[in-house]
C-alpha atoms as a PDB file:
ATOM      1  CA  MET A   1       0.000   0.000   0.000  1.00  0.00           C
ATOM      2  CA  GLU A   2       1.306   3.425  -0.889  1.00  0.00           C
ATOM      3  CA  LEU A   3       1.699   5.958   1.898  1.00  0.00           C
ATOM      4  CA  ALA A   4       1.557   9.060  -0.246  1.00  0.00           C
ATOM      5  CA  ASN A   5      -1.852  10.009   1.142  1.00  0.00           C
ATOM      6  CA  HIS A   6      -0.805   9.625   4.768  1.00  0.00           C
ATOM      7  CA  ILE A   7      -1.841  12.700   6.728  1.00  0.00           C
ATOM      8  CA  LYS A   8       0.997  14.921   7.903  1.00  0.00           C
ATOM      9  CA  ILE A   9       0.762  17.400  10.765  1.00  0.00           C
ATOM     10  CA  LYS A  10       1.163  20.331   8.370  1.00  0.00           C
ATOM     11  CA  ASP A  11      -1.928  19.073   6.502  1.00  0.00           C
ATOM     12  CA  LEU A  12      -4.135  19.167   9.591  1.00  0.00           C
ATOM     13  CA  ALA A  13      -6.412  22.056  10.467  1.00  0.00           C
ATOM     14  CA  ILE A  14      -4.500  24.659  12.480  1.00  0.00           C
ATOM     15  CA  ASP A  15      -6.529  23.937  15.638  1.00  0.00           C
ATOM     16  CA  ASP A  16      -5.499  20.259  15.384  1.00  0.00           C
ATOM     17  CA  ARG A  17      -1.764  20.929  15.131  1.00  0.00           C
ATOM     18  CA  PRO A  18      -0.157  20.430  18.569  1.00  0.00           C
ATOM     19  CA  ARG A  19       2.066  23.522  18.567  1.00  0.00           C
ATOM     20  CA  GLU A  20      -0.624  25.853  17.259  1.00  0.00           C
ATOM     21  CA  LYS A  21      -3.149  24.306  19.627  1.00  0.00           C
ATOM     22  CA  MET A  22      -0.853  24.936  22.599  1.00  0.00           C
ATOM     23  CA  ILE A  23      -0.328  28.559  21.583  1.00  0.00           C
ATOM     24  CA  SER A  24      -4.028  29.261  21.065  1.00  0.00           C
ATOM     25  CA  ARG A  25      -5.536  27.158  23.859  1.00  0.00           C
ATOM     26  CA  GLY A  26      -2.724  26.491  26.320  1.00  0.00           C
ATOM     27  CA  PRO A  27      -0.847  23.272  27.250  1.00  0.00           C
ATOM     28  CA  MET A  28      -3.779  21.879  29.250  1.00  0.00           C
ATOM     29  CA  SER A  29      -5.755  21.465  26.016  1.00  0.00           C
ATOM     30  CA  LEU A  30      -3.287  18.922  24.598  1.00  0.00           C
ATOM     31  CA  SER A  31      -3.492  15.166  25.020  1.00  0.00           C
ATOM     32  CA  ASP A  32      -0.508  13.203  26.316  1.00  0.00           C
ATOM     33  CA  ALA A  33       0.198  12.050  22.758  1.00  0.00           C
ATOM     34  CA  GLU A  34       0.154  15.618  21.466  1.00  0.00           C
ATOM     35  CA  LEU A  35       2.550  16.772  24.192  1.00  0.00           C
ATOM     36  CA  VAL A  36       4.954  13.919  23.505  1.00  0.00           C
ATOM     37  CA  GLY A  37       4.542  14.596  19.778  1.00  0.00           C
ATOM     38  CA  ILE A  38       5.831  18.125  20.276  1.00  0.00           C
ATOM     39  CA  MET A  39       8.921  16.703  22.000  1.00  0.00           C
ATOM     40  CA  ILE A  40       9.446  14.275  19.129  1.00  0.00           C
ATOM     41  CA  GLY A  41       9.272  17.168  16.703  1.00  0.00           C
ATOM     42  CA  SER A  42       8.553  15.590  13.321  1.00  0.00           C
ATOM     43  CA  GLY A  43       7.325  12.414  11.706  1.00  0.00           C
ATOM     44  CA  ASN A  44       9.255   9.835   9.717  1.00  0.00           C
ATOM     45  CA  GLY A  45       7.436   9.868   6.393  1.00  0.00           C
ATOM     46  CA  GLU A  46       5.095   7.079   7.450  1.00  0.00           C
ATOM     47  CA  MET A  47       3.761   8.530  10.692  1.00  0.00           C
ATOM     48  CA  THR A  48       3.300  11.982  12.123  1.00  0.00           C
ATOM     49  CA  ALA A  49       5.065  12.905  15.342  1.00  0.00           C
ATOM     50  CA  VAL A  50       1.771  12.396  17.178  1.00  0.00           C
ATOM     51  CA  ASP A  51       1.372   8.929  15.618  1.00  0.00           C
ATOM     52  CA  ILE A  52       4.834   8.011  16.895  1.00  0.00           C
ATOM     53  CA  ALA A  53       3.918   9.406  20.304  1.00  0.00           C
ATOM     54  CA  ARG A  54       0.762   7.274  20.423  1.00  0.00           C
ATOM     55  CA  SER A  55       2.779   4.188  19.570  1.00  0.00           C
ATOM     56  CA  LEU A  56       5.263   5.065  22.290  1.00  0.00           C
ATOM     57  CA  LEU A  57       2.575   5.639  24.915  1.00  0.00           C
ATOM     58  CA  ASN A  58       0.829   2.388  24.000  1.00  0.00           C
ATOM     59  CA  LYS A  59       4.083   0.579  24.759  1.00  0.00           C
ATOM     60  CA  TYR A  60       3.923   2.006  28.276  1.00  0.00           C
ATOM     61  CA  ASN A  61       0.186   1.446  28.849  1.00  0.00           C
ATOM     62  CA  ASN A  62      -0.541   5.137  28.213  1.00  0.00           C
ATOM     63  CA  ASN A  63       0.976   5.838  31.607  1.00  0.00           C
ATOM     64  CA  LEU A  64       3.437   8.733  31.894  1.00  0.00           C
ATOM     65  CA  ASN A  65       4.831   7.356  35.146  1.00  0.00           C
ATOM     66  CA  GLU A  66       5.804   4.134  33.385  1.00  0.00           C
ATOM     67  CA  LEU A  67       7.251   6.137  30.501  1.00  0.00           C
ATOM     68  CA  GLY A  68       9.358   8.103  32.967  1.00  0.00           C
ATOM     69  CA  LEU A  69      11.026   4.887  34.136  1.00  0.00           C
ATOM     70  CA  ALA A  70      12.268   4.004  30.648  1.00  0.00           C
ATOM     71  CA  THR A  71      15.870   4.392  29.530  1.00  0.00           C
ATOM     72  CA  VAL A  72      17.204   5.913  26.332  1.00  0.00           C
ATOM     73  CA  LYS A  73      17.819   2.413  24.956  1.00  0.00           C
ATOM     74  CA  ASP A  74      14.277   1.365  25.852  1.00  0.00           C
ATOM     75  CA  LEU A  75      12.768   4.270  23.938  1.00  0.00           C
ATOM     76  CA  MET A  76      14.995   3.719  20.927  1.00  0.00           C
ATOM     77  CA  LYS A  77      13.289   0.349  20.401  1.00  0.00           C
ATOM     78  CA  ILE A  78      10.164   2.252  19.298  1.00  0.00           C
ATOM     79  CA  LYS A  79       9.946   2.902  15.575  1.00  0.00           C
ATOM     80  CA  GLY A  80      10.596   6.572  14.890  1.00  0.00           C
ATOM     81  CA  ILE A  81      12.476   7.203  18.154  1.00  0.00           C
ATOM     82  CA  GLY A  82      16.188   7.827  17.812  1.00  0.00           C
ATOM     83  CA  GLU A  83      18.700   8.767  20.469  1.00  0.00           C
ATOM     84  CA  ALA A  84      18.057  12.519  20.267  1.00  0.00           C
ATOM     85  CA  ARG A  85      14.298  12.094  20.562  1.00  0.00           C
ATOM     86  CA  ALA A  86      14.670   9.635  23.410  1.00  0.00           C
ATOM     87  CA  VAL A  87      16.864  12.111  25.281  1.00  0.00           C
ATOM     88  CA  ASN A  88      14.311  14.914  24.702  1.00  0.00           C
ATOM     89  CA  ILE A  89      11.476  12.801  26.068  1.00  0.00           C
ATOM     90  CA  LEU A  90      13.346  11.649  29.167  1.00  0.00           C
ATOM     91  CA  THR A  91      14.566  15.194  29.808  1.00  0.00           C
ATOM     92  CA  ALA A  92      10.946  16.365  29.911  1.00  0.00           C
ATOM     93  CA  MET A  93      10.041  13.469  32.227  1.00  0.00           C
ATOM     94  CA  GLU A  94      12.843  14.429  34.597  1.00  0.00           C
ATOM     95  CA  ILE A  95      11.874  18.111  34.586  1.00  0.00           C
ATOM     96  CA  GLY A  96       8.317  17.106  35.498  1.00  0.00           C
ATOM     97  CA  ARG A  97       9.596  14.872  38.292  1.00  0.00           C
ATOM     98  CA  ARG A  98      11.777  17.641  39.726  1.00  0.00           C
ATOM     99  CA  ARG A  99       8.973  20.187  39.497  1.00  0.00           C
ATOM    100  CA  ALA A 100       6.643  17.870  41.417  1.00  0.00           C
ATOM    101  CA  SER A 101       9.177  17.544  44.232  1.00  0.00           C
ATOM    102  CA  ALA A 102      10.229  21.198  44.330  1.00  0.00           C
ATOM    103  CA  GLU A 103       9.176  23.423  47.178  1.00  0.00           C
ATOM    104  CA  PRO A 104       6.813  26.187  46.098  1.00  0.00           C
ATOM    105  CA  ARG A 105       8.448  29.612  46.124  1.00  0.00           C
ATOM    106  CA  ILE A 106       7.208  31.601  49.096  1.00  0.00           C
ATOM    107  CA  LYS A 107       6.194  35.046  47.941  1.00  0.00           C
ATOM    108  CA  GLN A 108       7.393  37.924  50.066  1.00  0.00           C
ATOM    109  CA  GLN A 109       4.674  39.675  52.015  1.00  0.00           C
ATOM    110  CA  ILE A 110       4.731  43.458  52.312  1.00  0.00           C
ATOM    111  CA  THR A 111       3.968  44.902  55.729  1.00  0.00           C
ATOM    112  CA  SER A 112       5.413  48.423  55.546  1.00  0.00           C
ATOM    113  CA  SER A 113       6.894  51.078  53.291  1.00  0.00           C
ATOM    114  CA  HIS A 114      10.322  49.979  54.475  1.00  0.00           C
ATOM    115  CA  ASP A 115       9.690  46.530  52.989  1.00  0.00           C
ATOM    116  CA  LEU A 116       8.930  48.236  49.691  1.00  0.00           C
ATOM    117  CA  TYR A 117      12.023  50.391  49.937  1.00  0.00           C
ATOM    118  CA  LYS A 118      14.230  47.327  50.401  1.00  0.00           C
ATOM    119  CA  VAL A 119      12.790  45.696  47.274  1.00  0.00           C
ATOM    120  CA  PHE A 120      13.280  48.788  45.139  1.00  0.00           C
ATOM    121  CA  ALA A 121      16.693  49.581  46.618  1.00  0.00           C
ATOM    122  CA  SER A 122      17.980  46.192  45.498  1.00  0.00           C
ATOM    123  CA  HIS A 123      17.327  47.302  41.915  1.00  0.00           C
ATOM    124  CA  ILE A 124      17.909  51.048  41.762  1.00  0.00           C
ATOM    125  CA  SER A 125      20.067  52.298  44.603  1.00  0.00           C
ATOM    126  CA  ASP A 126      23.402  53.874  43.637  1.00  0.00           C
ATOM    127  CA  LEU A 127      22.447  54.366  39.982  1.00  0.00           C
ATOM    128  CA  ASN A 128      23.566  57.521  38.171  1.00  0.00           C
ATOM    129  CA  HIS A 129      20.335  57.642  36.163  1.00  0.00           C
ATOM    130  CA  GLU A 130      16.649  57.343  37.040  1.00  0.00           C
ATOM    131  CA  GLU A 131      14.704  54.137  36.672  1.00  0.00           C
ATOM    132  CA  MET A 132      11.033  53.557  37.374  1.00  0.00           C
ATOM    133  CA  TRP A 133       9.894  50.175  38.682  1.00  0.00           C
ATOM    134  CA  ALA A 134       6.612  48.678  39.806  1.00  0.00           C
ATOM    135  CA  ILE A 135       5.724  46.009  42.331  1.00  0.00           C
ATOM    136  CA  PHE A 136       2.487  44.087  41.748  1.00  0.00           C
ATOM    137  CA  LEU A 137       0.758  42.754  44.859  1.00  0.00           C
ATOM    138  CA  SER A 138      -1.864  40.128  45.644  1.00  0.00           C
ATOM    139  CA  PRO A 139      -4.904  40.809  47.885  1.00  0.00           C
ATOM    140  CA  LYS A 140      -2.856  39.434  50.802  1.00  0.00           C
ATOM    141  CA  MET A 141      -0.057  41.904  50.086  1.00  0.00           C
ATOM    142  CA  LYS A 142       2.321  39.310  48.701  1.00  0.00           C
ATOM    143  CA  ILE A 143       4.588  40.237  45.813  1.00  0.00           C
ATOM    144  CA  ILE A 144       3.400  38.768  42.528  1.00  0.00           C
ATOM    145  CA  SER A 145       6.129  40.321  40.384  1.00  0.00           C
ATOM    146  CA  THR A 146       8.422  43.297  39.918  1.00  0.00           C
ATOM    147  CA  HIS A 147       8.956  45.096  36.611  1.00  0.00           C
ATOM    148  CA  GLN A 148      11.201  47.818  35.270  1.00  0.00           C
ATOM    149  CA  LEU A 149       8.913  50.378  33.628  1.00  0.00           C
ATOM    150  CA  SER A 150      11.424  52.818  32.215  1.00  0.00           C
ATOM    151  CA  LYS A 151      15.011  54.000  32.280  1.00  0.00           C
ATOM    152  CA  GLY A 152      15.767  57.681  31.961  1.00  0.00           C
ATOM    153  CA  GLY A 153      18.372  60.362  32.321  1.00  0.00           C
ATOM    154  CA  THR A 154      19.853  61.984  35.380  1.00  0.00           C
ATOM    155  CA  LYS A 155      16.782  64.062  36.226  1.00  0.00           C
ATOM    156  CA  SER A 156      13.649  62.234  35.121  1.00  0.00           C
ATOM    157  CA  THR A 157      12.042  59.179  33.591  1.00  0.00           C
ATOM    158  CA  VAL A 158       8.653  58.553  32.029  1.00  0.00           C
ATOM    159  CA  VAL A 159       6.041  55.828  32.349  1.00  0.00           C
ATOM    160  CA  ASP A 160       3.651  54.425  29.754  1.00  0.00           C
ATOM    161  CA  VAL A 161       0.557  54.323  31.956  1.00  0.00           C
ATOM    162  CA  ARG A 162      -1.397  52.181  29.498  1.00  0.00           C
ATOM    163  CA  LEU A 163       1.342  49.567  29.435  1.00  0.00           C
ATOM    164  CA  LEU A 164       1.614  49.632  33.228  1.00  0.00           C
ATOM    165  CA  THR A 165      -2.128  49.053  33.558  1.00  0.00           C
ATOM    166  CA  LYS A 166      -2.032  46.177  31.081  1.00  0.00           C
ATOM    167  CA  MET A 167       0.867  44.551  32.928  1.00  0.00           C
ATOM    168  CA  ALA A 168      -1.033  44.815  36.219  1.00  0.00           C
ATOM    169  CA  LEU A 169      -4.117  43.243  34.653  1.00  0.00           C
ATOM    170  CA  ASP A 170      -2.064  40.473  33.052  1.00  0.00           C
ATOM    171  CA  ASP A 171      -0.522  39.656  36.447  1.00  0.00           C
ATOM    172  CA  ASN A 172      -3.945  39.820  38.126  1.00  0.00           C
ATOM    173  CA  ALA A 173      -2.600  42.387  40.583  1.00  0.00           C
ATOM    174  CA  ASN A 174      -4.844  43.720  43.324  1.00  0.00           C
ATOM    175  CA  SER A 175      -2.582  46.706  43.987  1.00  0.00           C
ATOM    176  CA  ILE A 176       0.614  48.219  42.670  1.00  0.00           C
ATOM    177  CA  VAL A 177       3.484  50.263  44.032  1.00  0.00           C
ATOM    178  CA  LEU A 178       5.645  52.626  42.018  1.00  0.00           C
ATOM    179  CA  GLY A 179       9.277  53.116  42.854  1.00  0.00           C
ATOM    180  CA  HIS A 180      12.034  55.214  41.360  1.00  0.00           C
ATOM    181  CA  ASN A 181      15.367  56.662  42.378  1.00  0.00           C
ATOM    182  CA  HIS A 182      16.813  60.148  42.524  1.00  0.00           C
ATOM    183  CA  PRO A 183      20.485  60.004  41.491  1.00  0.00           C
ATOM    184  CA  SER A 184      21.107  63.167  43.518  1.00  0.00           C
ATOM    185  CA  GLY A 185      20.409  61.192  46.673  1.00  0.00           C
ATOM    186  CA  GLU A 186      17.624  63.552  47.747  1.00  0.00           C
ATOM    187  CA  VAL A 187      14.181  62.023  48.083  1.00  0.00           C
ATOM    188  CA  GLN A 188      11.850  65.008  48.090  1.00  0.00           C
ATOM    189  CA  PRO A 189       9.336  64.456  45.243  1.00  0.00           C
ATOM    190  CA  SER A 190       9.257  66.828  42.315  1.00  0.00           C
ATOM    191  CA  LYS A 191       6.173  68.315  40.717  1.00  0.00           C
ATOM    192  CA  GLU A 192       6.483  65.683  37.991  1.00  0.00           C
ATOM    193  CA  ASP A 193       6.554  62.932  40.634  1.00  0.00           C
ATOM    194  CA  PHE A 194       3.296  64.196  42.116  1.00  0.00           C
ATOM    195  CA  ASN A 195       1.687  64.478  38.691  1.00  0.00           C
ATOM    196  CA  LEU A 196       2.735  60.968  37.674  1.00  0.00           C
ATOM    197  CA  THR A 197       1.461  59.514  40.928  1.00  0.00           C
ATOM    198  CA  LYS A 198      -1.929  61.124  40.420  1.00  0.00           C
ATOM    199  CA  THR A 199      -2.126  59.999  36.793  1.00  0.00           C
ATOM    200  CA  VAL A 200      -1.282  56.388  37.602  1.00  0.00           C
ATOM    201  CA  LYS A 201      -3.670  56.314  40.563  1.00  0.00           C
ATOM    202  CA  ASN A 202      -6.580  57.567  38.467  1.00  0.00           C
ATOM    203  CA  ALA A 203      -5.784  55.168  35.599  1.00  0.00           C
ATOM    204  CA  VAL A 204      -5.555  51.966  37.618  1.00  0.00           C
ATOM    205  CA  ASN A 205      -8.569  52.881  39.768  1.00  0.00           C
ATOM    206  CA  LEU A 206     -10.694  52.467  36.651  1.00  0.00           C
ATOM    207  CA  PHE A 207      -9.836  48.760  36.790  1.00  0.00           C
ATOM    208  CA  ASP A 208     -10.274  48.377  40.567  1.00  0.00           C
ATOM    209  CA  ILE A 209      -6.520  48.283  41.073  1.00  0.00           C
ATOM    210  CA  ARG A 210      -5.161  50.345  43.940  1.00  0.00           C
ATOM    211  CA  LEU A 211      -2.009  52.417  43.811  1.00  0.00           C
ATOM    212  CA  LEU A 212      -0.743  51.530  47.254  1.00  0.00           C
ATOM    213  CA  ASP A 213       2.367  53.710  47.391  1.00  0.00           C
ATOM    214  CA  HIS A 214       5.086  55.479  45.459  1.00  0.00           C
ATOM    215  CA  ILE A 215       8.574  55.105  46.876  1.00  0.00           C
ATOM    216  CA  ILE A 216      11.445  57.447  46.002  1.00  0.00           C
ATOM    217  CA  VAL A 217      14.831  55.913  46.721  1.00  0.00           C
ATOM    218  CA  GLY A 218      17.742  58.156  47.651  1.00  0.00           C
ATOM    219  CA  ASN A 219      21.046  57.884  49.467  1.00  0.00           C
ATOM    220  CA  ASN A 220      20.216  55.258  52.121  1.00  0.00           C
ATOM    221  CA  LYS A 221      16.799  56.826  52.633  1.00  0.00           C
ATOM    222  CA  TYR A 222      13.421  56.944  50.978  1.00  0.00           C
ATOM    223  CA  TYR A 223      10.211  58.915  50.636  1.00  0.00           C
ATOM    224  CA  SER A 224       6.827  57.192  50.847  1.00  0.00           C
ATOM    225  CA  PHE A 225       3.827  58.964  49.341  1.00  0.00           C
ATOM    226  CA  SER A 226       1.585  56.808  51.522  1.00  0.00           C
ATOM    227  CA  ASP A 227       3.437  57.541  54.752  1.00  0.00           C
ATOM    228  CA  GLU A 228       3.248  61.265  53.941  1.00  0.00           C
ATOM    229  CA  ASN A 229      -0.488  61.053  53.148  1.00  0.00           C
ATOM    230  CA  GLU A 230       0.126  62.144  49.561  1.00  0.00           C
ATOM    231  CA  LEU A 231      -2.137  59.506  48.069  1.00  0.00           C
END
């Protein structure tokens, strides 16, 4: 029988191609065979990568735990699996095993403006130019992420408020904190600092996100808009 009409992955509808499906729907939407197929990469002219993956999984009773116990030589006994593909598959199995046994990262909880200052100072103290950063916080005041927003000259920096708001929404932040440095070492806010704080506060409030504070980092000291009742 000729195999010229055998279906190849590139001939499938886009939503049925594993890589495109992962991008559009996320990894949870893929079957075990589709995930292993992505690791295999390509077919062999007779079978697609997913076909090879199905054959491989059948050998191990469609059980990923059993597959994870295989060796490179074991996997190479499957048609379409060479050494490189076997190594890729077992590497993924090992990463999954290590992830399952890893301790979850404990997110730092913020309890004061000084906690915020320490986070920002680790990024922007002692710089000879201004940088603006943001901390995104969960409802329980734990740090979700930190982001550099802009990098400026010796006197000022700017912030794309729309981008900041989008980043906060993408990270599902309940509140945010701005932080920037003054290369002069002085921490008294400028007129521009006040204006930016007000602009950001009004923008994120539209999305039920609270601007919790704005920290200015100086020479071993800081200014907190919240502590000074400037919010």
